[in-house]
Amino acid sequence: MKAARRPELRLPAPERFEGAGLEPDGDYDGLEFREEDFAGQDGGGARFMDCALRGCVLDGTRLSRARLLDSVLAGVRGVGTDLAEATLRDVELTDARLGGTRLHGAVLERVLVRGGKVDFLNLRGARLKDVVFEGCVLVEPDFGGARLERVEFVDCALKGADLSGVTLRDVDLRGAASLEIARGVDRLSGAVISPAQLLDLAPVLAGELGIRVEG
């Protein structure tokens, strides 16, 4: 089992963002976005490099195909944020409150998700490499058809996860505070779980294999 490599961020002193809002294909370098309301705005295809987004509102914000590189997102909140096919590389996402975030087809590499709660996260068909979920709550995340390599769940509550068609390699679930798999338990090859988690998953595994368990 190979451990995930975490991002190592050393952000230069950022300049305060003074713009009117996000722009499609915008180029943002070394900026701090503090408590900005980006609800409903279109930043599709934008590039964020050495940026910090702190306390920003992302309700319905379009960031599809955006590139977030060497950046921090702290305390962001939003429902229906669109990050489809985005690239997140060397990114820290801390204490977020997100719901219905669309990250299908996205690429995540050296990403740390620490604290906060994310409901109904859509990662279908995404590629995750060197990603750590730490101390957060993931409610009904959809990993359908995704590829996960060197991904760790540390003190993270995983509730109602969909692993249908997922491909796992060096995925460490032993540190998960809770592990609930709604679908795709047969796709756990390539992951490591604890003996206690195996016992908890036994009824689901038996059902998947068509085994009747009777007293």
C-alpha atoms as a PDB file:
ATOM      1  CA  MET A   1       0.000   0.000   0.000  1.00  0.00           C
ATOM      2  CA  LYS A   2       1.581   3.230  -1.197  1.00  0.00           C
ATOM      3  CA  ALA A   3       0.733   6.349   0.797  1.00  0.00           C
ATOM      4  CA  ALA A   4      -0.798   9.355  -0.918  1.00  0.00           C
ATOM      5  CA  ARG A   5       1.413  12.358  -1.505  1.00  0.00           C
ATOM      6  CA  ARG A   6      -0.107  15.460   0.013  1.00  0.00           C
ATOM      7  CA  PRO A   7       0.119  18.921  -1.530  1.00  0.00           C
ATOM      8  CA  GLU A   8       2.959  21.106  -0.278  1.00  0.00           C
ATOM      9  CA  LEU A   9       1.751  24.667  -0.652  1.00  0.00           C
ATOM     10  CA  ARG A  10       3.887  27.730  -0.075  1.00  0.00           C
ATOM     11  CA  LEU A  11       1.724  30.522  -1.378  1.00  0.00           C
ATOM     12  CA  PRO A  12       3.402  33.856  -2.038  1.00  0.00           C
ATOM     13  CA  ALA A  13       1.775  36.858  -0.360  1.00  0.00           C
ATOM     14  CA  PRO A  14      -1.402  37.217  -2.412  1.00  0.00           C
ATOM     15  CA  GLU A  15      -2.912  40.429  -3.704  1.00  0.00           C
ATOM     16  CA  ARG A  16      -6.535  41.163  -2.857  1.00  0.00           C
ATOM     17  CA  PHE A  17      -8.914  40.473  -5.753  1.00  0.00           C
ATOM     18  CA  GLU A  18     -10.506  43.760  -6.829  1.00  0.00           C
ATOM     19  CA  GLY A  19     -12.492  42.601  -9.851  1.00  0.00           C
ATOM     20  CA  ALA A  20     -16.241  42.746 -10.393  1.00  0.00           C
ATOM     21  CA  GLY A  21     -16.574  38.978 -10.665  1.00  0.00           C
ATOM     22  CA  LEU A  22     -15.388  35.883 -12.448  1.00  0.00           C
ATOM     23  CA  GLU A  23     -14.911  35.742 -16.185  1.00  0.00           C
ATOM     24  CA  PRO A  24     -14.962  32.728 -18.526  1.00  0.00           C
ATOM     25  CA  ASP A  25     -11.389  31.680 -19.369  1.00  0.00           C
ATOM     26  CA  GLY A  26     -10.112  34.232 -16.864  1.00  0.00           C
ATOM     27  CA  ASP A  27      -6.497  34.104 -15.675  1.00  0.00           C
ATOM     28  CA  TYR A  28      -6.031  34.617 -11.934  1.00  0.00           C
ATOM     29  CA  ASP A  29      -2.512  34.498 -10.528  1.00  0.00           C
ATOM     30  CA  GLY A  30      -1.447  35.135  -6.926  1.00  0.00           C
ATOM     31  CA  LEU A  31      -4.799  36.545  -5.805  1.00  0.00           C
ATOM     32  CA  GLU A  32      -6.825  36.295  -2.613  1.00  0.00           C
ATOM     33  CA  PHE A  33     -10.599  36.090  -2.985  1.00  0.00           C
ATOM     34  CA  ARG A  34     -12.036  36.857   0.463  1.00  0.00           C
ATOM     35  CA  GLU A  35     -15.765  36.389   1.146  1.00  0.00           C
ATOM     36  CA  GLU A  36     -16.662  37.056  -2.467  1.00  0.00           C
ATOM     37  CA  ASP A  37     -20.155  36.117  -3.644  1.00  0.00           C
ATOM     38  CA  PHE A  38     -19.729  34.255  -6.928  1.00  0.00           C
ATOM     39  CA  ALA A  39     -23.243  32.783  -6.938  1.00  0.00           C
ATOM     40  CA  GLY A  40     -24.431  32.075 -10.483  1.00  0.00           C
ATOM     41  CA  GLN A  41     -21.285  33.465 -12.085  1.00  0.00           C
ATOM     42  CA  ASP A  42     -19.440  31.900 -15.020  1.00  0.00           C
ATOM     43  CA  GLY A  43     -15.745  31.174 -14.596  1.00  0.00           C
ATOM     44  CA  GLY A  44     -15.671  28.219 -16.954  1.00  0.00           C
ATOM     45  CA  GLY A  45     -12.197  27.450 -18.272  1.00  0.00           C
ATOM     46  CA  ALA A  46     -10.537  29.911 -15.883  1.00  0.00           C
ATOM     47  CA  ARG A  47      -7.062  29.325 -14.417  1.00  0.00           C
ATOM     48  CA  PHE A  48      -6.327  29.919 -10.732  1.00  0.00           C
ATOM     49  CA  MET A  49      -2.623  29.785  -9.859  1.00  0.00           C
ATOM     50  CA  ASP A  50      -1.233  30.441  -6.341  1.00  0.00           C
ATOM     51  CA  CYS A  51      -4.659  31.691  -5.286  1.00  0.00           C
ATOM     52  CA  ALA A  52      -6.595  31.628  -2.019  1.00  0.00           C
ATOM     53  CA  LEU A  53     -10.406  31.539  -1.941  1.00  0.00           C
ATOM     54  CA  ARG A  54     -11.584  32.173   1.619  1.00  0.00           C
ATOM     55  CA  GLY A  55     -15.219  32.177   2.718  1.00  0.00           C
ATOM     56  CA  CYS A  56     -16.502  32.558  -0.840  1.00  0.00           C
ATOM     57  CA  VAL A  57     -20.049  31.700  -1.927  1.00  0.00           C
ATOM     58  CA  LEU A  58     -20.198  29.301  -4.884  1.00  0.00           C
ATOM     59  CA  ASP A  59     -23.914  28.632  -5.301  1.00  0.00           C
ATOM     60  CA  GLY A  60     -24.438  27.549  -8.909  1.00  0.00           C
ATOM     61  CA  THR A  61     -21.027  28.911  -9.886  1.00  0.00           C
ATOM     62  CA  ARG A  62     -19.804  27.542 -13.210  1.00  0.00           C
ATOM     63  CA  LEU A  63     -16.164  26.486 -13.080  1.00  0.00           C
ATOM     64  CA  SER A  64     -16.277  23.643 -15.570  1.00  0.00           C
ATOM     65  CA  ARG A  65     -12.899  22.895 -17.170  1.00  0.00           C
ATOM     66  CA  ALA A  66     -11.281  25.369 -14.777  1.00  0.00           C
ATOM     67  CA  ARG A  67      -7.731  24.737 -13.554  1.00  0.00           C
ATOM     68  CA  LEU A  68      -6.967  25.236  -9.865  1.00  0.00           C
ATOM     69  CA  LEU A  69      -3.228  24.920  -9.299  1.00  0.00           C
ATOM     70  CA  ASP A  70      -1.220  25.411  -6.093  1.00  0.00           C
ATOM     71  CA  SER A  71      -4.247  27.009  -4.449  1.00  0.00           C
ATOM     72  CA  VAL A  72      -6.255  26.992  -1.211  1.00  0.00           C
ATOM     73  CA  LEU A  73     -10.027  26.969  -0.819  1.00  0.00           C
ATOM     74  CA  ALA A  74     -10.966  27.620   2.807  1.00  0.00           C
ATOM     75  CA  GLY A  75     -14.475  27.814   4.208  1.00  0.00           C
ATOM     76  CA  VAL A  76     -16.130  27.990   0.787  1.00  0.00           C
ATOM     77  CA  ARG A  77     -19.821  27.115   0.622  1.00  0.00           C
ATOM     78  CA  GLY A  78     -22.271  26.499  -2.139  1.00  0.00           C
ATOM     79  CA  VAL A  79     -24.916  24.318  -3.722  1.00  0.00           C
ATOM     80  CA  GLY A  80     -24.671  23.075  -7.298  1.00  0.00           C
ATOM     81  CA  THR A  81     -21.122  24.272  -7.946  1.00  0.00           C
ATOM     82  CA  ASP A  82     -20.096  23.067 -11.409  1.00  0.00           C
ATOM     83  CA  LEU A  83     -16.493  21.835 -11.602  1.00  0.00           C
ATOM     84  CA  ALA A  84     -17.082  19.261 -14.312  1.00  0.00           C
ATOM     85  CA  GLU A  85     -13.879  18.269 -16.122  1.00  0.00           C
ATOM     86  CA  ALA A  86     -11.875  20.675 -13.985  1.00  0.00           C
ATOM     87  CA  THR A  87      -8.258  20.085 -12.967  1.00  0.00           C
ATOM     88  CA  LEU A  88      -7.248  20.405  -9.312  1.00  0.00           C
ATOM     89  CA  ARG A  89      -3.534  19.965  -8.687  1.00  0.00           C
ATOM     90  CA  ASP A  90      -1.754  20.746  -5.403  1.00  0.00           C
ATOM     91  CA  VAL A  91      -4.950  22.056  -3.825  1.00  0.00           C
ATOM     92  CA  GLU A  92      -6.173  22.200  -0.225  1.00  0.00           C
ATOM     93  CA  LEU A  93      -9.931  22.348   0.396  1.00  0.00           C
ATOM     94  CA  THR A  94     -10.648  22.992   4.073  1.00  0.00           C
ATOM     95  CA  ASP A  95     -13.855  23.342   6.101  1.00  0.00           C
ATOM     96  CA  ALA A  96     -16.064  23.488   3.026  1.00  0.00           C
ATOM     97  CA  ARG A  97     -19.862  23.243   3.114  1.00  0.00           C
ATOM     98  CA  LEU A  98     -20.896  22.046  -0.328  1.00  0.00           C
ATOM     99  CA  GLY A  99     -23.896  20.267  -1.773  1.00  0.00           C
ATOM    100  CA  GLY A 100     -24.437  18.722  -5.190  1.00  0.00           C
ATOM    101  CA  THR A 101     -20.963  19.660  -6.398  1.00  0.00           C
ATOM    102  CA  ARG A 102     -20.303  18.389  -9.911  1.00  0.00           C
ATOM    103  CA  LEU A 103     -16.778  17.091 -10.427  1.00  0.00           C
ATOM    104  CA  HIS A 104     -17.562  14.417 -12.995  1.00  0.00           C
ATOM    105  CA  GLY A 105     -14.740  13.865 -15.439  1.00  0.00           C
ATOM    106  CA  ALA A 106     -12.410  15.986 -13.304  1.00  0.00           C
ATOM    107  CA  VAL A 107      -8.744  15.307 -12.556  1.00  0.00           C
ATOM    108  CA  LEU A 108      -7.589  15.619  -8.940  1.00  0.00           C
ATOM    109  CA  GLU A 109      -3.895  15.214  -8.141  1.00  0.00           C
ATOM    110  CA  ARG A 110      -2.247  15.938  -4.785  1.00  0.00           C
ATOM    111  CA  VAL A 111      -5.445  17.247  -3.234  1.00  0.00           C
ATOM    112  CA  LEU A 112      -6.277  17.437   0.473  1.00  0.00           C
ATOM    113  CA  VAL A 113      -9.914  17.715   1.573  1.00  0.00           C
ATOM    114  CA  ARG A 114      -9.868  18.459   5.295  1.00  0.00           C
ATOM    115  CA  GLY A 115     -12.871  19.100   7.535  1.00  0.00           C
ATOM    116  CA  GLY A 116     -16.284  20.313   6.460  1.00  0.00           C
ATOM    117  CA  LYS A 117     -19.164  18.453   4.871  1.00  0.00           C
ATOM    118  CA  VAL A 118     -19.867  17.656   1.226  1.00  0.00           C
ATOM    119  CA  ASP A 119     -23.279  16.272   0.254  1.00  0.00           C
ATOM    120  CA  PHE A 120     -24.000  14.401  -2.986  1.00  0.00           C
ATOM    121  CA  LEU A 121     -20.549  14.866  -4.520  1.00  0.00           C
ATOM    122  CA  ASN A 122     -20.504  13.780  -8.167  1.00  0.00           C
ATOM    123  CA  LEU A 123     -17.126  12.297  -9.108  1.00  0.00           C
ATOM    124  CA  ARG A 124     -18.361  10.000 -11.857  1.00  0.00           C
ATOM    125  CA  GLY A 125     -15.620   9.211 -14.341  1.00  0.00           C
ATOM    126  CA  ALA A 126     -13.118  11.369 -12.448  1.00  0.00           C
ATOM    127  CA  ARG A 127      -9.444  10.519 -11.910  1.00  0.00           C
ATOM    128  CA  LEU A 128      -8.074  10.885  -8.398  1.00  0.00           C
ATOM    129  CA  LYS A 129      -4.394  10.407  -7.654  1.00  0.00           C
ATOM    130  CA  ASP A 130      -2.711  11.259  -4.343  1.00  0.00           C
ATOM    131  CA  VAL A 131      -5.920  12.524  -2.751  1.00  0.00           C
ATOM    132  CA  VAL A 132      -6.616  12.575   1.008  1.00  0.00           C
ATOM    133  CA  PHE A 133     -10.028  13.020   2.605  1.00  0.00           C
ATOM    134  CA  GLU A 134      -9.366  13.905   6.240  1.00  0.00           C
ATOM    135  CA  GLY A 135     -11.785  14.676   9.057  1.00  0.00           C
ATOM    136  CA  CYS A 136     -14.629  15.441   6.675  1.00  0.00           C
ATOM    137  CA  VAL A 137     -18.123  14.073   6.060  1.00  0.00           C
ATOM    138  CA  LEU A 138     -19.047  12.790   2.596  1.00  0.00           C
ATOM    139  CA  VAL A 139     -22.758  12.075   2.206  1.00  0.00           C
ATOM    140  CA  GLU A 140     -23.707   9.851  -0.744  1.00  0.00           C
ATOM    141  CA  PRO A 141     -20.623  10.557  -2.853  1.00  0.00           C
ATOM    142  CA  ASP A 142     -20.825   9.101  -6.366  1.00  0.00           C
ATOM    143  CA  PHE A 143     -17.537   7.591  -7.551  1.00  0.00           C
ATOM    144  CA  GLY A 144     -19.182   5.679 -10.409  1.00  0.00           C
ATOM    145  CA  GLY A 145     -16.652   4.749 -13.088  1.00  0.00           C
ATOM    146  CA  ALA A 146     -13.900   6.798 -11.423  1.00  0.00           C
ATOM    147  CA  ARG A 147     -10.247   5.774 -11.092  1.00  0.00           C
ATOM    148  CA  LEU A 148      -8.688   6.193  -7.650  1.00  0.00           C
ATOM    149  CA  GLU A 149      -4.973   5.730  -7.070  1.00  0.00           C
ATOM    150  CA  ARG A 150      -3.231   6.388  -3.760  1.00  0.00           C
ATOM    151  CA  VAL A 151      -6.359   7.782  -2.116  1.00  0.00           C
ATOM    152  CA  GLU A 152      -6.748   7.832   1.666  1.00  0.00           C
ATOM    153  CA  PHE A 153      -9.746   8.347   3.940  1.00  0.00           C
ATOM    154  CA  VAL A 154      -8.523   9.513   7.351  1.00  0.00           C
ATOM    155  CA  ASP A 155     -11.058  10.013  10.159  1.00  0.00           C
ATOM    156  CA  CYS A 156     -13.569  10.656   7.383  1.00  0.00           C
ATOM    157  CA  ALA A 157     -17.227   9.629   7.464  1.00  0.00           C
ATOM    158  CA  LEU A 158     -18.186   7.977   4.189  1.00  0.00           C
ATOM    159  CA  LYS A 159     -21.970   7.597   4.023  1.00  0.00           C
ATOM    160  CA  GLY A 160     -23.868   5.830   1.238  1.00  0.00           C
ATOM    161  CA  ALA A 161     -20.970   5.804  -1.225  1.00  0.00           C
ATOM    162  CA  ASP A 162     -21.561   4.602  -4.787  1.00  0.00           C
ATOM    163  CA  LEU A 163     -18.551   2.674  -6.092  1.00  0.00           C
ATOM    164  CA  SER A 164     -20.237   1.257  -9.195  1.00  0.00           C
ATOM    165  CA  GLY A 165     -17.663   0.557 -11.894  1.00  0.00           C
ATOM    166  CA  VAL A 166     -14.870   2.184  -9.901  1.00  0.00           C
ATOM    167  CA  THR A 167     -11.209   1.167 -10.308  1.00  0.00           C
ATOM    168  CA  LEU A 168      -9.122   1.266  -7.132  1.00  0.00           C
ATOM    169  CA  ARG A 169      -5.381   1.078  -6.647  1.00  0.00           C
ATOM    170  CA  ASP A 170      -3.676   1.618  -3.293  1.00  0.00           C
ATOM    171  CA  VAL A 171      -6.836   3.040  -1.735  1.00  0.00           C
ATOM    172  CA  ASP A 172      -6.709   3.063   2.075  1.00  0.00           C
ATOM    173  CA  LEU A 173     -10.092   2.960   3.789  1.00  0.00           C
ATOM    174  CA  ARG A 174      -8.830   1.739   7.171  1.00  0.00           C
ATOM    175  CA  GLY A 175      -8.844   5.185   8.738  1.00  0.00           C
ATOM    176  CA  ALA A 176     -12.436   6.009   7.781  1.00  0.00           C
ATOM    177  CA  ALA A 177     -14.501   6.930  10.837  1.00  0.00           C
ATOM    178  CA  SER A 178     -17.479   5.214   9.194  1.00  0.00           C
ATOM    179  CA  LEU A 179     -17.727   3.263   5.953  1.00  0.00           C
ATOM    180  CA  GLU A 180     -21.104   2.820   4.279  1.00  0.00           C
ATOM    181  CA  ILE A 181     -21.189   1.546   0.706  1.00  0.00           C
ATOM    182  CA  ALA A 182     -24.568   1.693  -1.015  1.00  0.00           C
ATOM    183  CA  ARG A 183     -23.475   0.222  -4.344  1.00  0.00           C
ATOM    184  CA  GLY A 184     -20.349  -1.307  -5.843  1.00  0.00           C
ATOM    185  CA  VAL A 185     -19.031  -3.221  -2.849  1.00  0.00           C
ATOM    186  CA  ASP A 186     -17.805  -5.792  -5.381  1.00  0.00           C
ATOM    187  CA  ARG A 187     -15.358  -3.159  -6.683  1.00  0.00           C
ATOM    188  CA  LEU A 188     -13.243  -3.014  -3.526  1.00  0.00           C
ATOM    189  CA  SER A 189     -10.363  -4.885  -5.123  1.00  0.00           C
ATOM    190  CA  GLY A 190      -7.350  -2.621  -4.865  1.00  0.00           C
ATOM    191  CA  ALA A 191      -8.433  -1.181  -1.512  1.00  0.00           C
ATOM    192  CA  VAL A 192      -7.449  -2.090   2.032  1.00  0.00           C
ATOM    193  CA  ILE A 193      -9.972  -2.160   4.885  1.00  0.00           C
ATOM    194  CA  SER A 194      -9.740  -3.075   8.555  1.00  0.00           C
ATOM    195  CA  PRO A 195     -11.092  -6.326  10.092  1.00  0.00           C
ATOM    196  CA  ALA A 196     -13.832  -4.338  11.834  1.00  0.00           C
ATOM    197  CA  GLN A 197     -14.877  -2.761   8.531  1.00  0.00           C
ATOM    198  CA  LEU A 198     -15.000  -6.204   6.939  1.00  0.00           C
ATOM    199  CA  LEU A 199     -17.459  -7.332   9.604  1.00  0.00           C
ATOM    200  CA  ASP A 200     -19.586  -4.232   9.049  1.00  0.00           C
ATOM    201  CA  LEU A 201     -19.621  -4.841   5.294  1.00  0.00           C
ATOM    202  CA  ALA A 202     -20.339  -8.579   5.599  1.00  0.00           C
ATOM    203  CA  PRO A 203     -24.130  -8.260   5.069  1.00  0.00           C
ATOM    204  CA  VAL A 204     -23.606  -6.116   1.969  1.00  0.00           C
ATOM    205  CA  LEU A 205     -20.981  -8.503   0.622  1.00  0.00           C
ATOM    206  CA  ALA A 206     -23.241 -11.481   1.257  1.00  0.00           C
ATOM    207  CA  GLY A 207     -26.069  -9.800  -0.609  1.00  0.00           C
ATOM    208  CA  GLU A 208     -23.794  -8.910  -3.516  1.00  0.00           C
ATOM    209  CA  LEU A 209     -22.662 -12.554  -3.754  1.00  0.00           C
ATOM    210  CA  GLY A 210     -26.181 -13.910  -3.429  1.00  0.00           C
ATOM    211  CA  ILE A 211     -25.456 -15.622  -0.115  1.00  0.00           C
ATOM    212  CA  ARG A 212     -28.371 -16.221   2.201  1.00  0.00           C
ATOM    213  CA  VAL A 213     -27.491 -15.876   5.871  1.00  0.00           C
ATOM    214  CA  GLU A 214     -29.977 -17.486   8.210  1.00  0.00           C
ATOM    215  CA  GLY A 215     -29.888 -18.229  11.907  1.00  0.00           C
END
